[in-house]
Amino acid sequence: MKKVIIFTAVIVVLFGALALVTSLQNKQQAEGNPFNKTTLHPETVKQLENPNYQNIILPEELDQKLADGATMTVYFYSPTCPACVETSPIVVPLAEEMNIDLPMFNLLEFEDGWRDYGIESTPTIIHYVDGKEVERIVGYQEEPTFRSWFEETVK
């Protein structure tokens, strides 16, 4: 019986140590991140150096811009969303090519965004005029569809 208790204690200590090491690694990787958070989801950490995920907007900044009546287009995404992973390499370079500022809102890191901005699925791109939503495009689309949407809605 003593051996079982000792074995169980060793296993618990090992799992605790593993959890601590993982947490410390995540904190180190998250240092200086654009999300102003001390820890990030591992999928967000994987995207920190990706050029398609550099134009980040934080909830406070987006709320302020919309309250000030800004006209802007925002890309709502989640790093764990397969459709977003396919969409970002299409829309980010396309927006740059078309001279469209496309700030990106990470719904995995800021989950209140689902409710606050009425997001039902990702990816979602919303165009705001005078701080009010006027149009949105939802889901994965091919490049010509996004190009058309940008030309008709944003330009």
N, C-alpha and C. Protein backbone atom coordinates (compact mmCIF):
# COMPACT_ATOMS: atom_id res chain seq x y z
N MET A 1 0.82 -1.19 0.00
CA MET A 1 0.00 0.00 0.00
C MET A 1 0.86 1.26 0.00
N LYS A 2 1.98 1.22 0.76
CA LYS A 2 2.89 2.36 0.81
C LYS A 2 3.47 2.66 -0.57
N LYS A 3 3.79 1.61 -1.31
CA LYS A 3 4.37 1.78 -2.64
C LYS A 3 3.40 2.50 -3.58
N VAL A 4 2.13 2.18 -3.48
CA VAL A 4 1.11 2.81 -4.32
C VAL A 4 1.01 4.30 -4.00
N ILE A 5 1.03 4.62 -2.73
CA ILE A 5 0.95 6.03 -2.30
C ILE A 5 2.17 6.81 -2.77
N ILE A 6 3.34 6.21 -2.62
CA ILE A 6 4.58 6.86 -3.07
C ILE A 6 4.57 7.04 -4.58
N PHE A 7 4.18 6.01 -5.29
CA PHE A 7 4.11 6.08 -6.76
C PHE A 7 3.13 7.18 -7.20
N THR A 8 1.97 7.24 -6.57
CA THR A 8 0.98 8.27 -6.89
C THR A 8 1.53 9.66 -6.60
N ALA A 9 2.20 9.83 -5.49
CA ALA A 9 2.78 11.13 -5.13
C ALA A 9 3.82 11.56 -6.15
N VAL A 10 4.66 10.62 -6.59
CA VAL A 10 5.68 10.93 -7.60
C VAL A 10 5.02 11.38 -8.90
N ILE A 11 3.97 10.68 -9.31
CA ILE A 11 3.26 11.04 -10.55
C ILE A 11 2.66 12.44 -10.43
N VAL A 12 2.03 12.74 -9.30
CA VAL A 12 1.42 14.06 -9.08
C VAL A 12 2.49 15.15 -9.13
N VAL A 13 3.63 14.92 -8.49
CA VAL A 13 4.72 15.90 -8.49
C VAL A 13 5.24 16.11 -9.92
N LEU A 14 5.40 15.04 -10.68
CA LEU A 14 5.87 15.16 -12.06
C LEU A 14 4.90 15.97 -12.92
N PHE A 15 3.62 15.70 -12.79
CA PHE A 15 2.63 16.48 -13.55
C PHE A 15 2.63 17.94 -13.13
N GLY A 16 2.77 18.19 -11.84
CA GLY A 16 2.85 19.57 -11.35
C GLY A 16 4.05 20.29 -11.91
N ALA A 17 5.20 19.62 -11.93
CA ALA A 17 6.42 20.21 -12.48
C ALA A 17 6.27 20.48 -13.97
N LEU A 18 5.66 19.56 -14.68
CA LEU A 18 5.42 19.74 -16.11
C LEU A 18 4.51 20.94 -16.36
N ALA A 19 3.46 21.08 -15.58
CA ALA A 19 2.55 22.22 -15.72
C ALA A 19 3.28 23.53 -15.44
N LEU A 20 4.14 23.56 -14.43
CA LEU A 20 4.90 24.76 -14.09
C LEU A 20 5.85 25.14 -15.22
N VAL A 21 6.57 24.17 -15.74
CA VAL A 21 7.51 24.44 -16.84
C VAL A 21 6.76 24.96 -18.06
N THR A 22 5.64 24.35 -18.39
CA THR A 22 4.85 24.78 -19.55
C THR A 22 4.36 26.21 -19.35
N SER A 23 3.90 26.52 -18.16
CA SER A 23 3.42 27.86 -17.85
C SER A 23 4.54 28.90 -17.97
N LEU A 24 5.70 28.57 -17.46
CA LEU A 24 6.85 29.48 -17.55
C LEU A 24 7.28 29.70 -18.99
N GLN A 25 7.27 28.64 -19.80
CA GLN A 25 7.63 28.78 -21.21
C GLN A 25 6.64 29.68 -21.93
N ASN A 26 5.36 29.51 -21.64
CA ASN A 26 4.34 30.33 -22.28
C ASN A 26 4.53 31.80 -21.89
N LYS A 27 4.84 32.07 -20.62
CA LYS A 27 5.06 33.44 -20.17
C LYS A 27 6.26 34.05 -20.87
N GLN A 28 7.33 33.29 -21.03
CA GLN A 28 8.53 33.79 -21.72
C GLN A 28 8.23 34.10 -23.17
N GLN A 29 7.50 33.22 -23.84
CA GLN A 29 7.17 33.44 -25.25
C GLN A 29 6.23 34.61 -25.41
N ALA A 30 5.41 34.89 -24.42
CA ALA A 30 4.41 35.95 -24.52
C ALA A 30 4.96 37.33 -24.16
N GLU A 31 6.19 37.39 -23.67
CA GLU A 31 6.76 38.68 -23.26
C GLU A 31 6.78 39.66 -24.43
N GLY A 32 6.33 40.88 -24.16
CA GLY A 32 6.36 41.93 -25.17
C GLY A 32 5.38 41.72 -26.30
N ASN A 33 4.35 40.92 -26.10
CA ASN A 33 3.41 40.63 -27.17
C ASN A 33 2.47 41.82 -27.41
N PRO A 34 1.90 41.92 -28.60
CA PRO A 34 1.02 43.05 -28.91
C PRO A 34 -0.34 42.98 -28.23
N PHE A 35 -0.62 41.90 -27.50
CA PHE A 35 -1.92 41.74 -26.85
C PHE A 35 -1.93 42.29 -25.42
N ASN A 36 -0.77 42.72 -24.94
CA ASN A 36 -0.63 43.25 -23.58
C ASN A 36 -1.14 42.27 -22.52
N LYS A 37 -0.85 40.99 -22.72
CA LYS A 37 -1.25 39.96 -21.77
C LYS A 37 -0.01 39.21 -21.30
N THR A 38 -0.07 38.69 -20.08
CA THR A 38 1.10 37.97 -19.56
C THR A 38 1.18 36.55 -20.08
N THR A 39 0.04 35.95 -20.40
CA THR A 39 0.04 34.62 -21.00
C THR A 39 -0.87 34.62 -22.22
N LEU A 40 -0.49 33.82 -23.18
CA LEU A 40 -1.26 33.71 -24.42
C LEU A 40 -1.54 32.24 -24.70
N HIS A 41 -2.60 32.00 -25.43
CA HIS A 41 -2.91 30.65 -25.89
C HIS A 41 -1.76 30.19 -26.79
N PRO A 42 -1.36 28.93 -26.72
CA PRO A 42 -0.25 28.44 -27.54
C PRO A 42 -0.42 28.69 -29.04
N GLU A 43 -1.64 28.65 -29.54
CA GLU A 43 -1.85 28.90 -30.98
C GLU A 43 -1.60 30.37 -31.32
N THR A 44 -1.89 31.28 -30.39
CA THR A 44 -1.57 32.69 -30.61
C THR A 44 -0.06 32.89 -30.60
N VAL A 45 0.62 32.21 -29.68
CA VAL A 45 2.08 32.31 -29.60
C VAL A 45 2.71 31.89 -30.92
N LYS A 46 2.17 30.84 -31.55
CA LYS A 46 2.71 30.37 -32.83
C LYS A 46 2.61 31.43 -33.92
N GLN A 47 1.67 32.35 -33.79
CA GLN A 47 1.45 33.37 -34.84
C GLN A 47 2.18 34.69 -34.57
N LEU A 48 2.85 34.82 -33.43
CA LEU A 48 3.45 36.10 -33.07
C LEU A 48 4.44 36.62 -34.11
N GLU A 49 5.18 35.75 -34.74
CA GLU A 49 6.18 36.17 -35.73
C GLU A 49 5.66 36.12 -37.16
N ASN A 50 4.46 35.62 -37.36
CA ASN A 50 3.89 35.48 -38.70
C ASN A 50 3.51 36.86 -39.24
N PRO A 51 4.00 37.25 -40.41
CA PRO A 51 3.70 38.58 -40.96
C PRO A 51 2.21 38.81 -41.22
N ASN A 52 1.43 37.75 -41.34
CA ASN A 52 -0.01 37.93 -41.56
C ASN A 52 -0.77 38.29 -40.30
N TYR A 53 -0.10 38.31 -39.15
CA TYR A 53 -0.79 38.58 -37.88
C TYR A 53 -0.09 39.69 -37.10
N GLN A 54 0.25 40.77 -37.77
CA GLN A 54 0.97 41.85 -37.11
C GLN A 54 0.11 43.08 -36.85
N ASN A 55 -0.98 43.25 -37.57
CA ASN A 55 -1.81 44.45 -37.43
C ASN A 55 -2.93 44.18 -36.42
N ILE A 56 -2.55 44.03 -35.16
CA ILE A 56 -3.47 43.64 -34.10
C ILE A 56 -4.17 44.88 -33.53
N ILE A 57 -5.46 44.73 -33.24
CA ILE A 57 -6.19 45.78 -32.54
C ILE A 57 -6.73 45.19 -31.25
N LEU A 58 -6.60 45.94 -30.17
CA LEU A 58 -7.07 45.51 -28.86
C LEU A 58 -8.51 45.98 -28.64
N PRO A 59 -9.24 45.32 -27.78
CA PRO A 59 -10.64 45.69 -27.56
C PRO A 59 -10.84 47.16 -27.18
N GLU A 60 -10.01 47.67 -26.29
CA GLU A 60 -10.16 49.06 -25.85
C GLU A 60 -9.96 50.02 -27.02
N GLU A 61 -8.97 49.72 -27.85
CA GLU A 61 -8.67 50.58 -28.99
C GLU A 61 -9.82 50.53 -30.00
N LEU A 62 -10.34 49.35 -30.28
CA LEU A 62 -11.45 49.22 -31.22
C LEU A 62 -12.69 49.93 -30.67
N ASP A 63 -13.00 49.71 -29.41
CA ASP A 63 -14.16 50.38 -28.81
C ASP A 63 -14.04 51.90 -28.91
N GLN A 64 -12.84 52.42 -28.64
CA GLN A 64 -12.63 53.86 -28.69
C GLN A 64 -12.81 54.40 -30.11
N LYS A 65 -12.24 53.70 -31.08
CA LYS A 65 -12.36 54.15 -32.47
C LYS A 65 -13.81 54.14 -32.92
N LEU A 66 -14.55 53.09 -32.56
CA LEU A 66 -15.96 53.02 -32.95
C LEU A 66 -16.77 54.10 -32.22
N ALA A 67 -16.47 54.35 -30.96
CA ALA A 67 -17.15 55.40 -30.21
C ALA A 67 -16.86 56.77 -30.81
N ASP A 68 -15.66 56.94 -31.38
CA ASP A 68 -15.28 58.21 -32.01
C ASP A 68 -15.84 58.34 -33.42
N GLY A 69 -16.56 57.31 -33.89
CA GLY A 69 -17.19 57.36 -35.21
C GLY A 69 -16.25 57.05 -36.36
N ALA A 70 -15.31 56.19 -36.12
CA ALA A 70 -14.34 55.85 -37.17
C ALA A 70 -14.99 55.06 -38.30
N THR A 71 -14.41 55.22 -39.48
CA THR A 71 -14.73 54.36 -40.62
C THR A 71 -13.54 53.42 -40.75
N MET A 72 -13.80 52.13 -40.63
CA MET A 72 -12.72 51.15 -40.62
C MET A 72 -13.24 49.77 -40.95
N THR A 73 -12.31 48.88 -41.30
CA THR A 73 -12.64 47.49 -41.60
C THR A 73 -11.82 46.63 -40.67
N VAL A 74 -12.48 45.69 -39.97
CA VAL A 74 -11.82 44.88 -38.95
C VAL A 74 -12.00 43.40 -39.28
N TYR A 75 -10.91 42.68 -39.14
CA TYR A 75 -10.89 41.23 -39.38
C TYR A 75 -10.91 40.52 -38.03
N PHE A 76 -12.01 39.83 -37.73
CA PHE A 76 -12.16 39.05 -36.51
C PHE A 76 -11.78 37.61 -36.81
N TYR A 77 -10.84 37.07 -36.03
CA TYR A 77 -10.33 35.73 -36.30
C TYR A 77 -10.00 35.01 -35.01
N SER A 78 -9.74 33.71 -35.14
CA SER A 78 -9.24 32.91 -34.03
C SER A 78 -8.09 32.06 -34.55
N PRO A 79 -6.98 32.02 -33.82
CA PRO A 79 -5.85 31.19 -34.24
C PRO A 79 -6.18 29.70 -34.32
N THR A 80 -7.23 29.25 -33.65
CA THR A 80 -7.60 27.84 -33.69
C THR A 80 -8.63 27.54 -34.77
N CYS A 81 -9.01 28.52 -35.54
CA CYS A 81 -10.02 28.36 -36.59
C CYS A 81 -9.34 27.97 -37.91
N PRO A 82 -9.60 26.77 -38.42
CA PRO A 82 -8.97 26.34 -39.68
C PRO A 82 -9.30 27.27 -40.86
N ALA A 83 -10.52 27.77 -40.91
CA ALA A 83 -10.89 28.69 -42.00
C ALA A 83 -10.12 30.00 -41.90
N CYS A 84 -9.84 30.45 -40.68
CA CYS A 84 -9.05 31.68 -40.49
C CYS A 84 -7.61 31.47 -40.95
N VAL A 85 -7.07 30.30 -40.64
CA VAL A 85 -5.69 29.99 -41.04
C VAL A 85 -5.58 29.99 -42.56
N GLU A 86 -6.64 29.60 -43.25
CA GLU A 86 -6.65 29.64 -44.72
C GLU A 86 -6.95 31.03 -45.25
N THR A 87 -7.75 31.79 -44.52
CA THR A 87 -8.19 33.11 -44.99
C THR A 87 -7.12 34.18 -44.82
N SER A 88 -6.41 34.18 -43.71
CA SER A 88 -5.43 35.24 -43.44
C SER A 88 -4.41 35.42 -44.55
N PRO A 89 -3.82 34.34 -45.11
CA PRO A 89 -2.85 34.54 -46.19
C PRO A 89 -3.49 35.09 -47.48
N ILE A 90 -4.80 35.11 -47.54
CA ILE A 90 -5.49 35.71 -48.69
C ILE A 90 -5.80 37.17 -48.41
N VAL A 91 -6.49 37.45 -47.29
CA VAL A 91 -7.00 38.81 -47.07
C VAL A 91 -5.94 39.80 -46.61
N VAL A 92 -4.95 39.36 -45.85
CA VAL A 92 -3.95 40.31 -45.36
C VAL A 92 -3.12 40.88 -46.52
N PRO A 93 -2.54 40.04 -47.39
CA PRO A 93 -1.81 40.61 -48.53
C PRO A 93 -2.74 41.39 -49.49
N LEU A 94 -3.96 40.92 -49.64
CA LEU A 94 -4.92 41.61 -50.51
C LEU A 94 -5.23 43.00 -49.98
N ALA A 95 -5.46 43.11 -48.68
CA ALA A 95 -5.71 44.42 -48.07
C ALA A 95 -4.51 45.34 -48.25
N GLU A 96 -3.31 44.82 -48.07
CA GLU A 96 -2.11 45.62 -48.27
C GLU A 96 -2.01 46.10 -49.72
N GLU A 97 -2.25 45.18 -50.65
CA GLU A 97 -2.20 45.52 -52.07
C GLU A 97 -3.20 46.62 -52.42
N MET A 98 -4.38 46.58 -51.77
CA MET A 98 -5.44 47.53 -52.07
C MET A 98 -5.39 48.77 -51.17
N ASN A 99 -4.31 48.90 -50.38
CA ASN A 99 -4.14 50.04 -49.47
C ASN A 99 -5.28 50.16 -48.45
N ILE A 100 -5.69 49.03 -47.92
CA ILE A 100 -6.75 48.99 -46.91
C ILE A 100 -6.11 48.62 -45.58
N ASP A 101 -6.32 49.46 -44.58
CA ASP A 101 -5.86 49.12 -43.23
C ASP A 101 -6.84 48.10 -42.68
N LEU A 102 -6.34 46.92 -42.34
CA LEU A 102 -7.18 45.83 -41.87
C LEU A 102 -6.70 45.35 -40.50
N PRO A 103 -7.09 46.08 -39.43
CA PRO A 103 -6.70 45.61 -38.10
C PRO A 103 -7.38 44.28 -37.79
N MET A 104 -6.68 43.46 -37.00
CA MET A 104 -7.13 42.10 -36.70
C MET A 104 -7.45 41.97 -35.22
N PHE A 105 -8.61 41.40 -34.94
CA PHE A 105 -9.08 41.21 -33.57
C PHE A 105 -9.06 39.72 -33.25
N ASN A 106 -8.24 39.33 -32.27
CA ASN A 106 -8.07 37.92 -31.90
C ASN A 106 -9.16 37.52 -30.90
N LEU A 107 -10.13 36.74 -31.36
CA LEU A 107 -11.24 36.32 -30.51
C LEU A 107 -10.86 35.22 -29.52
N LEU A 108 -9.75 34.56 -29.74
CA LEU A 108 -9.29 33.55 -28.78
C LEU A 108 -8.74 34.23 -27.53
N GLU A 109 -8.05 35.33 -27.71
CA GLU A 109 -7.47 36.06 -26.59
C GLU A 109 -8.49 36.99 -25.93
N PHE A 110 -9.44 37.48 -26.70
CA PHE A 110 -10.44 38.43 -26.19
C PHE A 110 -11.83 37.89 -26.50
N GLU A 111 -12.25 36.92 -25.71
CA GLU A 111 -13.48 36.18 -25.98
C GLU A 111 -14.74 37.03 -25.87
N ASP A 112 -14.70 38.14 -25.16
CA ASP A 112 -15.87 39.02 -25.09
C ASP A 112 -16.22 39.60 -26.46
N GLY A 113 -15.27 39.57 -27.36
CA GLY A 113 -15.50 40.09 -28.71
C GLY A 113 -16.62 39.36 -29.44
N TRP A 114 -16.79 38.08 -29.15
CA TRP A 114 -17.88 37.33 -29.77
C TRP A 114 -19.21 38.03 -29.51
N ARG A 115 -19.44 38.35 -28.26
CA ARG A 115 -20.69 39.00 -27.87
C ARG A 115 -20.68 40.49 -28.24
N ASP A 116 -19.60 41.17 -27.91
CA ASP A 116 -19.54 42.62 -28.09
C ASP A 116 -19.73 43.06 -29.54
N TYR A 117 -19.27 42.24 -30.49
CA TYR A 117 -19.34 42.64 -31.89
C TYR A 117 -20.26 41.74 -32.71
N GLY A 118 -21.02 40.90 -32.03
CA GLY A 118 -22.01 40.05 -32.70
C GLY A 118 -21.41 39.04 -33.66
N ILE A 119 -20.27 38.48 -33.29
CA ILE A 119 -19.59 37.51 -34.15
C ILE A 119 -20.19 36.13 -33.89
N GLU A 120 -20.63 35.47 -34.93
CA GLU A 120 -21.20 34.14 -34.80
C GLU A 120 -20.25 33.05 -35.26
N SER A 121 -19.36 33.39 -36.18
CA SER A 121 -18.36 32.42 -36.63
C SER A 121 -17.16 33.18 -37.19
N THR A 122 -16.06 32.48 -37.32
CA THR A 122 -14.86 33.10 -37.86
C THR A 122 -14.46 32.38 -39.13
N PRO A 123 -13.78 33.08 -39.99
CA PRO A 123 -13.43 34.49 -39.96
C PRO A 123 -14.62 35.38 -40.30
N THR A 124 -14.61 36.58 -39.74
CA THR A 124 -15.61 37.59 -40.05
C THR A 124 -14.88 38.91 -40.27
N ILE A 125 -15.19 39.57 -41.37
CA ILE A 125 -14.64 40.90 -41.64
C ILE A 125 -15.82 41.86 -41.63
N ILE A 126 -15.71 42.90 -40.82
CA ILE A 126 -16.79 43.88 -40.70
C ILE A 126 -16.28 45.25 -41.13
N HIS A 127 -17.09 45.91 -41.95
CA HIS A 127 -16.79 47.29 -42.35
C HIS A 127 -17.71 48.22 -41.56
N TYR A 128 -17.09 49.19 -40.89
CA TYR A 128 -17.82 50.18 -40.10
C TYR A 128 -17.71 51.53 -40.78
N VAL A 129 -18.80 52.27 -40.77
CA VAL A 129 -18.81 53.65 -41.25
C VAL A 129 -19.39 54.50 -40.12
N ASP A 130 -18.67 55.55 -39.77
CA ASP A 130 -19.08 56.41 -38.65
C ASP A 130 -19.32 55.60 -37.38
N GLY A 131 -18.51 54.57 -37.17
CA GLY A 131 -18.59 53.76 -35.96
C GLY A 131 -19.71 52.72 -35.95
N LYS A 132 -20.44 52.62 -37.04
CA LYS A 132 -21.56 51.67 -37.12
C LYS A 132 -21.28 50.63 -38.20
N GLU A 133 -21.67 49.38 -37.90
CA GLU A 133 -21.50 48.32 -38.88
C GLU A 133 -22.40 48.56 -40.09
N VAL A 134 -21.80 48.44 -41.29
CA VAL A 134 -22.60 48.57 -42.51
C VAL A 134 -22.59 47.30 -43.35
N GLU A 135 -21.54 46.49 -43.20
CA GLU A 135 -21.44 45.28 -44.03
C GLU A 135 -20.48 44.31 -43.38
N ARG A 136 -20.72 43.01 -43.61
CA ARG A 136 -19.79 41.99 -43.12
C ARG A 136 -19.73 40.86 -44.13
N ILE A 137 -18.59 40.18 -44.12
CA ILE A 137 -18.40 38.97 -44.92
C ILE A 137 -17.91 37.90 -43.94
N VAL A 138 -18.52 36.72 -44.03
CA VAL A 138 -18.27 35.67 -43.05
C VAL A 138 -17.78 34.40 -43.75
N GLY A 139 -16.80 33.75 -43.12
CA GLY A 139 -16.33 32.46 -43.60
C GLY A 139 -15.23 32.56 -44.63
N TYR A 140 -14.69 31.40 -44.95
CA TYR A 140 -13.64 31.31 -45.96
C TYR A 140 -14.24 31.60 -47.33
N GLN A 141 -13.55 32.40 -48.11
CA GLN A 141 -13.93 32.72 -49.48
C GLN A 141 -12.65 32.66 -50.34
N GLU A 142 -12.83 32.53 -51.61
CA GLU A 142 -11.70 32.60 -52.52
C GLU A 142 -11.28 34.07 -52.70
N GLU A 143 -10.08 34.29 -53.17
CA GLU A 143 -9.53 35.64 -53.32
C GLU A 143 -10.42 36.56 -54.15
N PRO A 144 -10.98 36.13 -55.29
CA PRO A 144 -11.83 37.05 -56.06
C PRO A 144 -13.05 37.54 -55.28
N THR A 145 -13.59 36.71 -54.42
CA THR A 145 -14.74 37.11 -53.61
C THR A 145 -14.34 38.20 -52.62
N PHE A 146 -13.21 38.01 -51.94
CA PHE A 146 -12.74 39.04 -51.01
C PHE A 146 -12.38 40.31 -51.76
N ARG A 147 -11.75 40.20 -52.91
CA ARG A 147 -11.39 41.38 -53.70
C ARG A 147 -12.64 42.17 -54.06
N SER A 148 -13.66 41.48 -54.54
CA SER A 148 -14.92 42.13 -54.89
C SER A 148 -15.54 42.82 -53.68
N TRP A 149 -15.55 42.10 -52.57
CA TRP A 149 -16.15 42.66 -51.36
C TRP A 149 -15.41 43.92 -50.93
N PHE A 150 -14.08 43.88 -50.94
CA PHE A 150 -13.30 45.07 -50.58
C PHE A 150 -13.58 46.22 -51.54
N GLU A 151 -13.63 45.92 -52.84
CA GLU A 151 -13.87 46.98 -53.85
C GLU A 151 -15.25 47.60 -53.68
N GLU A 152 -16.26 46.76 -53.45
CA GLU A 152 -17.64 47.26 -53.36
C GLU A 152 -17.94 47.89 -52.00
N THR A 153 -17.32 47.38 -50.95
CA THR A 153 -17.69 47.80 -49.60
C THR A 153 -16.74 48.83 -49.02
N VAL A 154 -15.46 48.63 -49.20
CA VAL A 154 -14.46 49.45 -48.51
C VAL A 154 -13.97 50.61 -49.35
N LYS A 155 -13.76 50.38 -50.63
CA LYS A 155 -13.17 51.43 -51.50
C LYS A 155 -14.18 52.45 -51.93
